[in-house]
């Protein structure tokens, strides 16, 4: 079995240089790095993770915390992070644990402080549980994905702007009675993104002089949650709106399904717009405000690498672009 000494001899460098070239820890010229890597391939050399950790002081692993693995957004984020981390030579250790559960509390209180990670990426931090404060007590650099990022580096979209764009699209089409579909009633302390989307929706309505029409049909940000919330609202003919802004695409799709089951034509009698550009959005011809979760995942990895290299640098906030995608679930009011 080949050793690091064999690789160094083949490449004509010292063992320390060979170790830096293979670990990425410390400067090595591109030419030397390529020569060492070629020697490692020729000798079928594979560094043992424990030995590399002892040599470099790094675990070569990143902890990723996510609230749900079942949703499209989470899966896309994870794919972006995984591709970027693997390209950098890091292992990904995933914790997909539901918000508010005892297991999640134990993760923050007992497991993470004991684990040795080179960095942590946290998605959907819950301010009510003081999760971010607990993460900052862990020695590893932290990057969050989402709107709540007090004192940390973070990657997000502008949720308020996304909802404002969606609402203004409906207003421009002539709609006045517009309901925000989905989202938590206690969003201010639990789902910060939902709260900011409500704020963006409300700001657009108020700016258009539609204060009296501001209302939210609360429910989980899922297709079943959007369906149930839409049935509640659409079931009352006297208060039936002409349009929905989905808190996300999944809620919006649930609203479309509810409308069709109630015999309400979309978009002739009800316009629906979402936020995300979910993988099923095209299938439902859903007009939406597109975000790019894979790019957010990759951006979080880049930001984390910067935090690893420069731990004393000021926290950085990265806001990725969004765009309106017009399909056929919205139309002018009749």
C-alpha atoms as a PDB file:
ATOM      1  CA  UNK A   1       0.000   0.000   0.000  1.00  0.00           C
ATOM      2  CA  UNK A   2       1.382   3.404  -1.004  1.00  0.00           C
ATOM      3  CA  UNK A   3       2.096   6.054   1.605  1.00  0.00           C
ATOM      4  CA  UNK A   4       2.316   9.831   1.529  1.00  0.00           C
ATOM      5  CA  UNK A   5       6.114   9.408   1.485  1.00  0.00           C
ATOM      6  CA  UNK A   6       5.834   7.384  -1.745  1.00  0.00           C
ATOM      7  CA  UNK A   7       3.666  10.094  -3.321  1.00  0.00           C
ATOM      8  CA  UNK A   8       6.103  12.805  -2.253  1.00  0.00           C
ATOM      9  CA  UNK A   9       9.054  10.897  -3.691  1.00  0.00           C
ATOM     10  CA  UNK A  10       7.258  10.281  -7.000  1.00  0.00           C
ATOM     11  CA  UNK A  11       6.340  13.980  -7.275  1.00  0.00           C
ATOM     12  CA  UNK A  12       9.756  15.211  -6.123  1.00  0.00           C
ATOM     13  CA  UNK A  13       8.466  17.193  -3.144  1.00  0.00           C
ATOM     14  CA  UNK A  14       8.544  16.953   0.625  1.00  0.00           C
ATOM     15  CA  UNK A  15       5.932  14.995   2.578  1.00  0.00           C
ATOM     16  CA  UNK A  16       4.584  18.262   3.998  1.00  0.00           C
ATOM     17  CA  UNK A  17       4.111  19.706   0.510  1.00  0.00           C
ATOM     18  CA  UNK A  18       2.434  16.526  -0.694  1.00  0.00           C
ATOM     19  CA  UNK A  19       0.069  16.617   2.291  1.00  0.00           C
ATOM     20  CA  UNK A  20      -0.846  20.265   1.623  1.00  0.00           C
ATOM     21  CA  UNK A  21      -1.408  19.555  -2.053  1.00  0.00           C
ATOM     22  CA  UNK A  22      -3.792  16.687  -1.371  1.00  0.00           C
ATOM     23  CA  UNK A  23      -5.634  18.257   1.562  1.00  0.00           C
ATOM     24  CA  UNK A  24      -5.966  21.795   0.194  1.00  0.00           C
ATOM     25  CA  UNK A  25      -4.739  23.101   3.565  1.00  0.00           C
ATOM     26  CA  UNK A  26      -2.096  25.737   2.825  1.00  0.00           C
ATOM     27  CA  UNK A  27      -0.623  27.173  -0.334  1.00  0.00           C
ATOM     28  CA  UNK A  28       0.827  24.968  -3.061  1.00  0.00           C
ATOM     29  CA  UNK A  29       1.430  26.181  -6.593  1.00  0.00           C
ATOM     30  CA  UNK A  30      -1.036  24.859  -9.179  1.00  0.00           C
ATOM     31  CA  UNK A  31       1.758  23.054 -11.024  1.00  0.00           C
ATOM     32  CA  UNK A  32       2.995  21.300  -7.889  1.00  0.00           C
ATOM     33  CA  UNK A  33      -0.532  20.435  -6.780  1.00  0.00           C
ATOM     34  CA  UNK A  34      -1.246  18.794 -10.139  1.00  0.00           C
ATOM     35  CA  UNK A  35       2.060  16.884 -10.042  1.00  0.00           C
ATOM     36  CA  UNK A  36       1.303  15.548  -6.553  1.00  0.00           C
ATOM     37  CA  UNK A  37      -2.237  14.545  -7.517  1.00  0.00           C
ATOM     38  CA  UNK A  38      -0.945  12.767 -10.620  1.00  0.00           C
ATOM     39  CA  UNK A  39       1.567  10.883  -8.489  1.00  0.00           C
ATOM     40  CA  UNK A  40      -1.207   9.891  -6.064  1.00  0.00           C
ATOM     41  CA  UNK A  41      -3.287   8.553  -8.954  1.00  0.00           C
ATOM     42  CA  UNK A  42      -0.327   6.619 -10.381  1.00  0.00           C
ATOM     43  CA  UNK A  43       0.311   5.011  -7.001  1.00  0.00           C
ATOM     44  CA  UNK A  44      -3.389   4.458  -6.210  1.00  0.00           C
ATOM     45  CA  UNK A  45      -2.841   6.426  -3.006  1.00  0.00           C
ATOM     46  CA  UNK A  46      -5.901   7.206  -0.889  1.00  0.00           C
ATOM     47  CA  UNK A  47      -5.439   9.298   2.245  1.00  0.00           C
ATOM     48  CA  UNK A  48      -7.061   7.874   5.376  1.00  0.00           C
ATOM     49  CA  UNK A  49      -9.550  10.402   6.736  1.00  0.00           C
ATOM     50  CA  UNK A  50      -8.297  10.063  10.325  1.00  0.00           C
ATOM     51  CA  UNK A  51      -4.694  10.568   9.266  1.00  0.00           C
ATOM     52  CA  UNK A  52      -5.631  13.578   7.169  1.00  0.00           C
ATOM     53  CA  UNK A  53      -7.536  15.010  10.104  1.00  0.00           C
ATOM     54  CA  UNK A  54      -4.529  14.624  12.397  1.00  0.00           C
ATOM     55  CA  UNK A  55      -2.184  16.106   9.817  1.00  0.00           C
ATOM     56  CA  UNK A  56      -4.308  19.099   8.888  1.00  0.00           C
ATOM     57  CA  UNK A  57      -6.302  19.751  12.053  1.00  0.00           C
ATOM     58  CA  UNK A  58      -9.487  19.457  10.005  1.00  0.00           C
ATOM     59  CA  UNK A  59     -12.229  16.815   9.940  1.00  0.00           C
ATOM     60  CA  UNK A  60     -12.924  17.365   6.224  1.00  0.00           C
ATOM     61  CA  UNK A  61     -16.632  17.167   7.048  1.00  0.00           C
ATOM     62  CA  UNK A  62     -19.455  19.721   7.136  1.00  0.00           C
ATOM     63  CA  UNK A  63     -22.624  19.352   9.172  1.00  0.00           C
ATOM     64  CA  UNK A  64     -25.884  20.259   7.410  1.00  0.00           C
ATOM     65  CA  UNK A  65     -29.073  20.850   9.414  1.00  0.00           C
ATOM     66  CA  UNK A  66     -32.412  20.811   7.609  1.00  0.00           C
ATOM     67  CA  UNK A  67     -35.986  20.768   8.937  1.00  0.00           C
ATOM     68  CA  UNK A  68     -37.411  18.451   6.284  1.00  0.00           C
ATOM     69  CA  UNK A  69     -36.044  16.154   3.620  1.00  0.00           C
ATOM     70  CA  UNK A  70     -39.376  15.469   1.933  1.00  0.00           C
ATOM     71  CA  UNK A  71     -39.946  18.874   0.327  1.00  0.00           C
ATOM     72  CA  UNK A  72     -38.694  19.855  -3.109  1.00  0.00           C
ATOM     73  CA  UNK A  73     -36.929  22.971  -1.863  1.00  0.00           C
ATOM     74  CA  UNK A  74     -34.911  20.997   0.695  1.00  0.00           C
ATOM     75  CA  UNK A  75     -33.923  18.359  -1.843  1.00  0.00           C
ATOM     76  CA  UNK A  76     -32.726  21.007  -4.304  1.00  0.00           C
ATOM     77  CA  UNK A  77     -30.733  22.821  -1.615  1.00  0.00           C
ATOM     78  CA  UNK A  78     -29.148  19.560  -0.536  1.00  0.00           C
ATOM     79  CA  UNK A  79     -28.170  18.660  -4.098  1.00  0.00           C
ATOM     80  CA  UNK A  80     -26.453  22.031  -4.546  1.00  0.00           C
ATOM     81  CA  UNK A  81     -24.579  21.710  -1.250  1.00  0.00           C
ATOM     82  CA  UNK A  82     -23.560  18.117  -1.882  1.00  0.00           C
ATOM     83  CA  UNK A  83     -22.127  18.847  -5.340  1.00  0.00           C
ATOM     84  CA  UNK A  84     -20.158  21.836  -4.053  1.00  0.00           C
ATOM     85  CA  UNK A  85     -18.848  20.063  -0.951  1.00  0.00           C
ATOM     86  CA  UNK A  86     -17.782  16.950  -2.842  1.00  0.00           C
ATOM     87  CA  UNK A  87     -15.948  19.125  -5.360  1.00  0.00           C
ATOM     88  CA  UNK A  88     -14.028  20.647  -2.435  1.00  0.00           C
ATOM     89  CA  UNK A  89     -13.214  17.240  -0.958  1.00  0.00           C
ATOM     90  CA  UNK A  90     -15.576  17.469   2.026  1.00  0.00           C
ATOM     91  CA  UNK A  91     -17.938  14.896   3.457  1.00  0.00           C
ATOM     92  CA  UNK A  92     -21.506  15.965   4.224  1.00  0.00           C
ATOM     93  CA  UNK A  93     -23.105  14.892   7.508  1.00  0.00           C
ATOM     94  CA  UNK A  94     -26.854  15.454   7.292  1.00  0.00           C
ATOM     95  CA  UNK A  95     -29.323  16.044  10.124  1.00  0.00           C
ATOM     96  CA  UNK A  96     -32.873  16.214   8.782  1.00  0.00           C
ATOM     97  CA  UNK A  97     -34.955  16.712  11.912  1.00  0.00           C
ATOM     98  CA  UNK A  98     -38.434  18.233  12.223  1.00  0.00           C
ATOM     99  CA  UNK A  99     -38.827  21.638  13.870  1.00  0.00           C
ATOM    100  CA  UNK A 100     -40.081  21.649  17.444  1.00  0.00           C
ATOM    101  CA  UNK A 101     -39.219  18.010  18.098  1.00  0.00           C
ATOM    102  CA  UNK A 102     -37.346  16.712  21.118  1.00  0.00           C
ATOM    103  CA  UNK A 103     -34.780  15.177  18.784  1.00  0.00           C
ATOM    104  CA  UNK A 104     -34.040  18.567  17.243  1.00  0.00           C
ATOM    105  CA  UNK A 105     -33.596  20.155  20.680  1.00  0.00           C
ATOM    106  CA  UNK A 106     -31.175  17.372  21.619  1.00  0.00           C
ATOM    107  CA  UNK A 107     -29.241  17.952  18.384  1.00  0.00           C
ATOM    108  CA  UNK A 108     -28.566  21.588  19.291  1.00  0.00           C
ATOM    109  CA  UNK A 109     -28.010  21.037  22.992  1.00  0.00           C
ATOM    110  CA  UNK A 110     -25.898  17.874  23.081  1.00  0.00           C
ATOM    111  CA  UNK A 111     -24.882  16.415  19.702  1.00  0.00           C
ATOM    112  CA  UNK A 112     -23.505  19.379  17.743  1.00  0.00           C
ATOM    113  CA  UNK A 113     -21.301  20.680  20.599  1.00  0.00           C
ATOM    114  CA  UNK A 114     -19.599  17.258  20.746  1.00  0.00           C
ATOM    115  CA  UNK A 115     -19.100  16.777  17.013  1.00  0.00           C
ATOM    116  CA  UNK A 116     -16.028  18.039  15.203  1.00  0.00           C
ATOM    117  CA  UNK A 117     -17.021  19.750  11.968  1.00  0.00           C
ATOM    118  CA  UNK A 118     -15.004  22.129   9.835  1.00  0.00           C
ATOM    119  CA  UNK A 119     -18.222  24.083   9.364  1.00  0.00           C
ATOM    120  CA  UNK A 120     -22.004  23.962   9.708  1.00  0.00           C
ATOM    121  CA  UNK A 121     -24.739  24.971   7.246  1.00  0.00           C
ATOM    122  CA  UNK A 122     -28.141  25.454   8.861  1.00  0.00           C
ATOM    123  CA  UNK A 123     -31.394  25.716   6.894  1.00  0.00           C
ATOM    124  CA  UNK A 124     -34.609  27.164   8.320  1.00  0.00           C
ATOM    125  CA  UNK A 125     -33.337  28.204  11.744  1.00  0.00           C
ATOM    126  CA  UNK A 126     -36.091  28.632  14.339  1.00  0.00           C
ATOM    127  CA  UNK A 127     -35.693  31.880  16.329  1.00  0.00           C
ATOM    128  CA  UNK A 128     -38.264  30.789  18.935  1.00  0.00           C
ATOM    129  CA  UNK A 129     -35.987  27.905  19.983  1.00  0.00           C
ATOM    130  CA  UNK A 130     -32.862  30.115  20.054  1.00  0.00           C
ATOM    131  CA  UNK A 131     -31.221  27.711  17.624  1.00  0.00           C
ATOM    132  CA  UNK A 132     -28.897  30.263  16.059  1.00  0.00           C
ATOM    133  CA  UNK A 133     -27.589  31.371  19.424  1.00  0.00           C
ATOM    134  CA  UNK A 134     -26.794  27.753  20.267  1.00  0.00           C
ATOM    135  CA  UNK A 135     -24.999  27.235  16.962  1.00  0.00           C
ATOM    136  CA  UNK A 136     -22.826  30.269  17.551  1.00  0.00           C
ATOM    137  CA  UNK A 137     -21.590  28.645  20.760  1.00  0.00           C
ATOM    138  CA  UNK A 138     -20.203  25.750  18.719  1.00  0.00           C
ATOM    139  CA  UNK A 139     -16.603  26.359  17.655  1.00  0.00           C
ATOM    140  CA  UNK A 140     -17.265  25.627  13.969  1.00  0.00           C
ATOM    141  CA  UNK A 141     -17.938  28.407  11.414  1.00  0.00           C
ATOM    142  CA  UNK A 142     -21.668  28.717  10.663  1.00  0.00           C
ATOM    143  CA  UNK A 143     -23.567  29.761   7.527  1.00  0.00           C
ATOM    144  CA  UNK A 144     -27.361  29.828   7.415  1.00  0.00           C
ATOM    145  CA  UNK A 145     -29.748  29.555   4.480  1.00  0.00           C
ATOM    146  CA  UNK A 146     -32.932  31.523   4.923  1.00  0.00           C
ATOM    147  CA  UNK A 147     -34.113  34.890   6.157  1.00  0.00           C
ATOM    148  CA  UNK A 148     -33.171  34.539   9.832  1.00  0.00           C
ATOM    149  CA  UNK A 149     -29.430  35.068  10.217  1.00  0.00           C
ATOM    150  CA  UNK A 150     -28.757  37.342  13.198  1.00  0.00           C
ATOM    151  CA  UNK A 151     -25.003  37.879  13.366  1.00  0.00           C
ATOM    152  CA  UNK A 152     -24.057  35.107  10.925  1.00  0.00           C
ATOM    153  CA  UNK A 153     -23.180  34.807   7.275  1.00  0.00           C
ATOM    154  CA  UNK A 154     -26.227  33.791   5.276  1.00  0.00           C
ATOM    155  CA  UNK A 155     -27.615  33.037   1.834  1.00  0.00           C
ATOM    156  CA  UNK A 156     -31.229  33.904   1.031  1.00  0.00           C
ATOM    157  CA  UNK A 157     -33.635  35.555  -1.336  1.00  0.00           C
ATOM    158  CA  UNK A 158     -35.611  38.683  -0.493  1.00  0.00           C
ATOM    159  CA  UNK A 159     -38.852  37.008   0.579  1.00  0.00           C
ATOM    160  CA  UNK A 160     -40.726  40.297   0.962  1.00  0.00           C
ATOM    161  CA  UNK A 161     -39.815  41.370  -2.570  1.00  0.00           C
ATOM    162  CA  UNK A 162     -40.822  37.959  -3.963  1.00  0.00           C
ATOM    163  CA  UNK A 163     -44.310  38.237  -2.454  1.00  0.00           C
ATOM    164  CA  UNK A 164     -44.618  41.872  -3.522  1.00  0.00           C
ATOM    165  CA  UNK A 165     -43.770  40.973  -7.128  1.00  0.00           C
ATOM    166  CA  UNK A 166     -46.332  38.156  -7.092  1.00  0.00           C
ATOM    167  CA  UNK A 167     -49.047  40.392  -5.635  1.00  0.00           C
ATOM    168  CA  UNK A 168     -48.303  43.283  -7.983  1.00  0.00           C
ATOM    169  CA  UNK A 169     -48.605  40.924 -10.944  1.00  0.00           C
ATOM    170  CA  UNK A 170     -52.175  40.135  -9.901  1.00  0.00           C
ATOM    171  CA  UNK A 171     -52.981  43.785  -9.199  1.00  0.00           C
ATOM    172  CA  UNK A 172     -51.691  44.736 -12.647  1.00  0.00           C
ATOM    173  CA  UNK A 173     -54.115  42.186 -14.094  1.00  0.00           C
ATOM    174  CA  UNK A 174     -57.000  43.995 -12.386  1.00  0.00           C
ATOM    175  CA  UNK A 175     -57.456  41.832  -9.281  1.00  0.00           C
ATOM    176  CA  UNK A 176     -58.452  43.478  -6.015  1.00  0.00           C
ATOM    177  CA  UNK A 177     -59.676  40.691  -3.734  1.00  0.00           C
ATOM    178  CA  UNK A 178     -56.400  38.794  -3.351  1.00  0.00           C
ATOM    179  CA  UNK A 179     -55.723  36.295  -0.542  1.00  0.00           C
ATOM    180  CA  UNK A 180     -52.325  35.088   0.660  1.00  0.00           C
ATOM    181  CA  UNK A 181     -52.649  31.296   0.666  1.00  0.00           C
ATOM    182  CA  UNK A 182     -50.720  29.298   3.267  1.00  0.00           C
ATOM    183  CA  UNK A 183     -48.207  30.174   5.932  1.00  0.00           C
ATOM    184  CA  UNK A 184     -48.182  30.021   9.704  1.00  0.00           C
ATOM    185  CA  UNK A 185     -50.203  32.296  11.943  1.00  0.00           C
ATOM    186  CA  UNK A 186     -47.211  32.418  14.343  1.00  0.00           C
ATOM    187  CA  UNK A 187     -44.725  33.131  11.534  1.00  0.00           C
ATOM    188  CA  UNK A 188     -43.075  36.036  13.350  1.00  0.00           C
ATOM    189  CA  UNK A 189     -41.475  33.672  15.874  1.00  0.00           C
ATOM    190  CA  UNK A 190     -41.314  30.405  13.948  1.00  0.00           C
ATOM    191  CA  UNK A 191     -41.277  30.847  10.160  1.00  0.00           C
ATOM    192  CA  UNK A 192     -39.513  34.134   9.446  1.00  0.00           C
ATOM    193  CA  UNK A 193     -39.706  33.616   5.686  1.00  0.00           C
ATOM    194  CA  UNK A 194     -43.498  33.281   5.854  1.00  0.00           C
ATOM    195  CA  UNK A 195     -43.690  36.501   7.872  1.00  0.00           C
ATOM    196  CA  UNK A 196     -41.610  38.413   5.352  1.00  0.00           C
ATOM    197  CA  UNK A 197     -43.701  37.097   2.474  1.00  0.00           C
ATOM    198  CA  UNK A 198     -46.843  38.237   4.266  1.00  0.00           C
ATOM    199  CA  UNK A 199     -45.226  41.651   4.755  1.00  0.00           C
ATOM    200  CA  UNK A 200     -44.415  41.888   1.037  1.00  0.00           C
ATOM    201  CA  UNK A 201     -47.962  40.881   0.069  1.00  0.00           C
ATOM    202  CA  UNK A 202     -49.468  43.371   2.498  1.00  0.00           C
ATOM    203  CA  UNK A 203     -47.179  46.193   1.349  1.00  0.00           C
ATOM    204  CA  UNK A 204     -48.257  45.683  -2.269  1.00  0.00           C
ATOM    205  CA  UNK A 205     -51.931  45.629  -1.307  1.00  0.00           C
ATOM    206  CA  UNK A 206     -51.644  48.782   0.815  1.00  0.00           C
ATOM    207  CA  UNK A 207     -49.699  50.603  -1.910  1.00  0.00           C
ATOM    208  CA  UNK A 208     -52.567  49.833  -4.303  1.00  0.00           C
ATOM    209  CA  UNK A 209     -55.178  51.117  -1.829  1.00  0.00           C
ATOM    210  CA  UNK A 210     -56.471  47.617  -1.102  1.00  0.00           C
ATOM    211  CA  UNK A 211     -56.017  47.627   2.679  1.00  0.00           C
ATOM    212  CA  UNK A 212     -59.512  46.263   3.307  1.00  0.00           C
ATOM    213  CA  UNK A 213     -58.802  43.162   1.222  1.00  0.00           C
ATOM    214  CA  UNK A 214     -55.650  42.080   3.071  1.00  0.00           C
ATOM    215  CA  UNK A 215     -56.181  38.572   4.485  1.00  0.00           C
ATOM    216  CA  UNK A 216     -54.341  35.296   4.870  1.00  0.00           C
ATOM    217  CA  UNK A 217     -55.668  31.754   4.700  1.00  0.00           C
ATOM    218  CA  UNK A 218     -53.138  30.121   7.022  1.00  0.00           C
ATOM    219  CA  UNK A 219     -51.967  26.567   6.597  1.00  0.00           C
ATOM    220  CA  UNK A 220     -48.831  24.448   6.175  1.00  0.00           C
ATOM    221  CA  UNK A 221     -46.670  25.381   3.147  1.00  0.00           C
ATOM    222  CA  UNK A 222     -47.478  22.102   1.410  1.00  0.00           C
ATOM    223  CA  UNK A 223     -49.880  20.921  -1.293  1.00  0.00           C
ATOM    224  CA  UNK A 224     -52.303  19.391   1.251  1.00  0.00           C
ATOM    225  CA  UNK A 225     -51.966  22.504   3.407  1.00  0.00           C
ATOM    226  CA  UNK A 226     -52.706  24.809   0.473  1.00  0.00           C
ATOM    227  CA  UNK A 227     -55.605  22.596  -0.596  1.00  0.00           C
ATOM    228  CA  UNK A 228     -57.258  22.681   2.847  1.00  0.00           C
ATOM    229  CA  UNK A 229     -56.778  26.438   3.228  1.00  0.00           C
ATOM    230  CA  UNK A 230     -58.182  27.074  -0.250  1.00  0.00           C
ATOM    231  CA  UNK A 231     -61.262  24.925   0.396  1.00  0.00           C
ATOM    232  CA  UNK A 232     -62.014  26.999   3.497  1.00  0.00           C
ATOM    233  CA  UNK A 233     -61.808  30.260   1.564  1.00  0.00           C
ATOM    234  CA  UNK A 234     -63.445  29.189  -1.684  1.00  0.00           C
ATOM    235  CA  UNK A 235     -66.293  27.403   0.055  1.00  0.00           C
ATOM    236  CA  UNK A 236     -67.897  30.728   1.017  1.00  0.00           C
ATOM    237  CA  UNK A 237     -69.270  32.196  -2.227  1.00  0.00           C
ATOM    238  CA  UNK A 238     -69.911  35.595  -0.622  1.00  0.00           C
ATOM    239  CA  UNK A 239     -66.259  36.060   0.354  1.00  0.00           C
ATOM    240  CA  UNK A 240     -64.628  34.173  -2.490  1.00  0.00           C
ATOM    241  CA  UNK A 241     -61.521  36.024  -3.775  1.00  0.00           C
ATOM    242  CA  UNK A 242     -60.527  36.381  -7.412  1.00  0.00           C
ATOM    243  CA  UNK A 243     -56.873  35.483  -6.825  1.00  0.00           C
ATOM    244  CA  UNK A 244     -54.429  33.634  -4.564  1.00  0.00           C
ATOM    245  CA  UNK A 245     -50.800  34.408  -3.834  1.00  0.00           C
ATOM    246  CA  UNK A 246     -49.348  31.109  -2.618  1.00  0.00           C
ATOM    247  CA  UNK A 247     -46.859  31.384   0.242  1.00  0.00           C
ATOM    248  CA  UNK A 248     -44.948  28.911  -1.920  1.00  0.00           C
ATOM    249  CA  UNK A 249     -45.596  26.904  -5.082  1.00  0.00           C
ATOM    250  CA  UNK A 250     -46.746  23.842  -3.171  1.00  0.00           C
ATOM    251  CA  UNK A 251     -49.488  25.823  -1.422  1.00  0.00           C
ATOM    252  CA  UNK A 252     -50.421  27.437  -4.751  1.00  0.00           C
ATOM    253  CA  UNK A 253     -50.724  24.045  -6.466  1.00  0.00           C
ATOM    254  CA  UNK A 254     -52.914  22.863  -3.587  1.00  0.00           C
ATOM    255  CA  UNK A 255     -55.100  25.914  -4.251  1.00  0.00           C
ATOM    256  CA  UNK A 256     -55.409  25.034  -7.940  1.00  0.00           C
ATOM    257  CA  UNK A 257     -56.475  21.481  -7.092  1.00  0.00           C
ATOM    258  CA  UNK A 258     -59.061  22.765  -4.598  1.00  0.00           C
ATOM    259  CA  UNK A 259     -60.496  25.199  -7.144  1.00  0.00           C
ATOM    260  CA  UNK A 260     -60.846  22.518  -9.793  1.00  0.00           C
ATOM    261  CA  UNK A 261     -62.612  20.147  -7.404  1.00  0.00           C
ATOM    262  CA  UNK A 262     -65.049  22.911  -6.508  1.00  0.00           C
ATOM    263  CA  UNK A 263     -65.735  23.603 -10.181  1.00  0.00           C
ATOM    264  CA  UNK A 264     -63.929  26.953 -10.196  1.00  0.00           C
ATOM    265  CA  UNK A 265     -62.023  27.545 -13.421  1.00  0.00           C
ATOM    266  CA  UNK A 266     -58.365  28.602 -13.219  1.00  0.00           C
ATOM    267  CA  UNK A 267     -57.615  31.264 -14.383  1.00  0.00           C
ATOM    268  CA  UNK A 268     -61.017  32.309 -15.764  1.00  0.00           C
ATOM    269  CA  UNK A 269     -62.607  32.566 -12.299  1.00  0.00           C
ATOM    270  CA  UNK A 270     -59.555  32.382 -10.036  1.00  0.00           C
ATOM    271  CA  UNK A 271     -55.949  33.388 -10.705  1.00  0.00           C
ATOM    272  CA  UNK A 272     -53.177  31.667  -8.756  1.00  0.00           C
ATOM    273  CA  UNK A 273     -49.496  32.585  -8.436  1.00  0.00           C
ATOM    274  CA  UNK A 274     -46.781  30.969  -6.339  1.00  0.00           C
ATOM    275  CA  UNK A 275     -43.201  31.517  -5.216  1.00  0.00           C
ATOM    276  CA  UNK A 276     -40.407  28.996  -5.961  1.00  0.00           C
ATOM    277  CA  UNK A 277     -40.729  27.513  -9.488  1.00  0.00           C
ATOM    278  CA  UNK A 278     -41.242  24.031  -8.064  1.00  0.00           C
ATOM    279  CA  UNK A 279     -40.519  21.054 -10.326  1.00  0.00           C
ATOM    280  CA  UNK A 280     -44.299  20.618 -10.798  1.00  0.00           C
ATOM    281  CA  UNK A 281     -44.967  24.293 -11.588  1.00  0.00           C
ATOM    282  CA  UNK A 282     -44.754  23.799 -15.344  1.00  0.00           C
ATOM    283  CA  UNK A 283     -47.082  20.778 -15.180  1.00  0.00           C
ATOM    284  CA  UNK A 284     -49.748  22.928 -13.494  1.00  0.00           C
ATOM    285  CA  UNK A 285     -48.960  25.918 -15.753  1.00  0.00           C
ATOM    286  CA  UNK A 286     -48.347  27.857 -12.548  1.00  0.00           C
ATOM    287  CA  UNK A 287     -47.262  31.460 -12.759  1.00  0.00           C
ATOM    288  CA  UNK A 288     -44.568  31.918 -10.126  1.00  0.00           C
ATOM    289  CA  UNK A 289     -41.664  33.960  -8.820  1.00  0.00           C
ATOM    290  CA  UNK A 290     -38.648  31.770  -9.485  1.00  0.00           C
ATOM    291  CA  UNK A 291     -35.814  31.201  -7.056  1.00  0.00           C
ATOM    292  CA  UNK A 292     -32.835  28.861  -7.485  1.00  0.00           C
ATOM    293  CA  UNK A 293     -32.318  26.616  -4.431  1.00  0.00           C
ATOM    294  CA  UNK A 294     -29.451  24.616  -5.970  1.00  0.00           C
ATOM    295  CA  UNK A 295     -27.550  27.855  -6.475  1.00  0.00           C
ATOM    296  CA  UNK A 296     -28.351  28.827  -2.880  1.00  0.00           C
ATOM    297  CA  UNK A 297     -26.861  25.542  -1.661  1.00  0.00           C
ATOM    298  CA  UNK A 298     -23.688  26.035  -3.697  1.00  0.00           C
ATOM    299  CA  UNK A 299     -23.433  29.674  -2.590  1.00  0.00           C
ATOM    300  CA  UNK A 300     -23.693  28.583   1.056  1.00  0.00           C
ATOM    301  CA  UNK A 301     -20.736  26.236   0.569  1.00  0.00           C
ATOM    302  CA  UNK A 302     -18.662  29.003  -1.019  1.00  0.00           C
ATOM    303  CA  UNK A 303     -19.525  31.326   1.840  1.00  0.00           C
ATOM    304  CA  UNK A 304     -18.656  28.664   4.399  1.00  0.00           C
ATOM    305  CA  UNK A 305     -15.255  28.091   2.770  1.00  0.00           C
ATOM    306  CA  UNK A 306     -14.586  31.814   3.089  1.00  0.00           C
ATOM    307  CA  UNK A 307     -15.526  31.636   6.763  1.00  0.00           C
ATOM    308  CA  UNK A 308     -13.154  28.704   7.239  1.00  0.00           C
ATOM    309  CA  UNK A 309     -10.280  30.592   5.641  1.00  0.00           C
ATOM    310  CA  UNK A 310     -11.061  33.926   7.317  1.00  0.00           C
ATOM    311  CA  UNK A 311     -12.854  33.175  10.612  1.00  0.00           C
ATOM    312  CA  UNK A 312     -12.456  36.735  11.902  1.00  0.00           C
ATOM    313  CA  UNK A 313     -14.008  38.405   8.852  1.00  0.00           C
ATOM    314  CA  UNK A 314     -17.307  40.237   9.211  1.00  0.00           C
ATOM    315  CA  UNK A 315     -20.497  38.284   8.524  1.00  0.00           C
ATOM    316  CA  UNK A 316     -21.581  38.406   4.875  1.00  0.00           C
ATOM    317  CA  UNK A 317     -25.120  38.350   3.499  1.00  0.00           C
ATOM    318  CA  UNK A 318     -25.677  36.945  -0.002  1.00  0.00           C
ATOM    319  CA  UNK A 319     -29.057  37.664  -1.609  1.00  0.00           C
ATOM    320  CA  UNK A 320     -29.672  35.719  -4.812  1.00  0.00           C
ATOM    321  CA  UNK A 321     -31.890  36.991  -7.646  1.00  0.00           C
ATOM    322  CA  UNK A 322     -35.516  36.076  -8.299  1.00  0.00           C
ATOM    323  CA  UNK A 323     -37.684  36.500 -11.395  1.00  0.00           C
ATOM    324  CA  UNK A 324     -41.335  36.433 -12.411  1.00  0.00           C
ATOM    325  CA  UNK A 325     -42.260  33.469 -14.635  1.00  0.00           C
ATOM    326  CA  UNK A 326     -45.642  34.021 -16.294  1.00  0.00           C
ATOM    327  CA  UNK A 327     -47.602  30.919 -17.226  1.00  0.00           C
ATOM    328  CA  UNK A 328     -51.342  30.359 -17.642  1.00  0.00           C
ATOM    329  CA  UNK A 329     -52.629  30.178 -14.052  1.00  0.00           C
ATOM    330  CA  UNK A 330     -53.148  33.958 -13.980  1.00  0.00           C
ATOM    331  CA  UNK A 331     -55.179  36.217 -16.236  1.00  0.00           C
ATOM    332  CA  UNK A 332     -57.034  39.508 -16.228  1.00  0.00           C
ATOM    333  CA  UNK A 333     -60.150  39.647 -14.089  1.00  0.00           C
ATOM    334  CA  UNK A 334     -63.493  39.333 -15.852  1.00  0.00           C
END
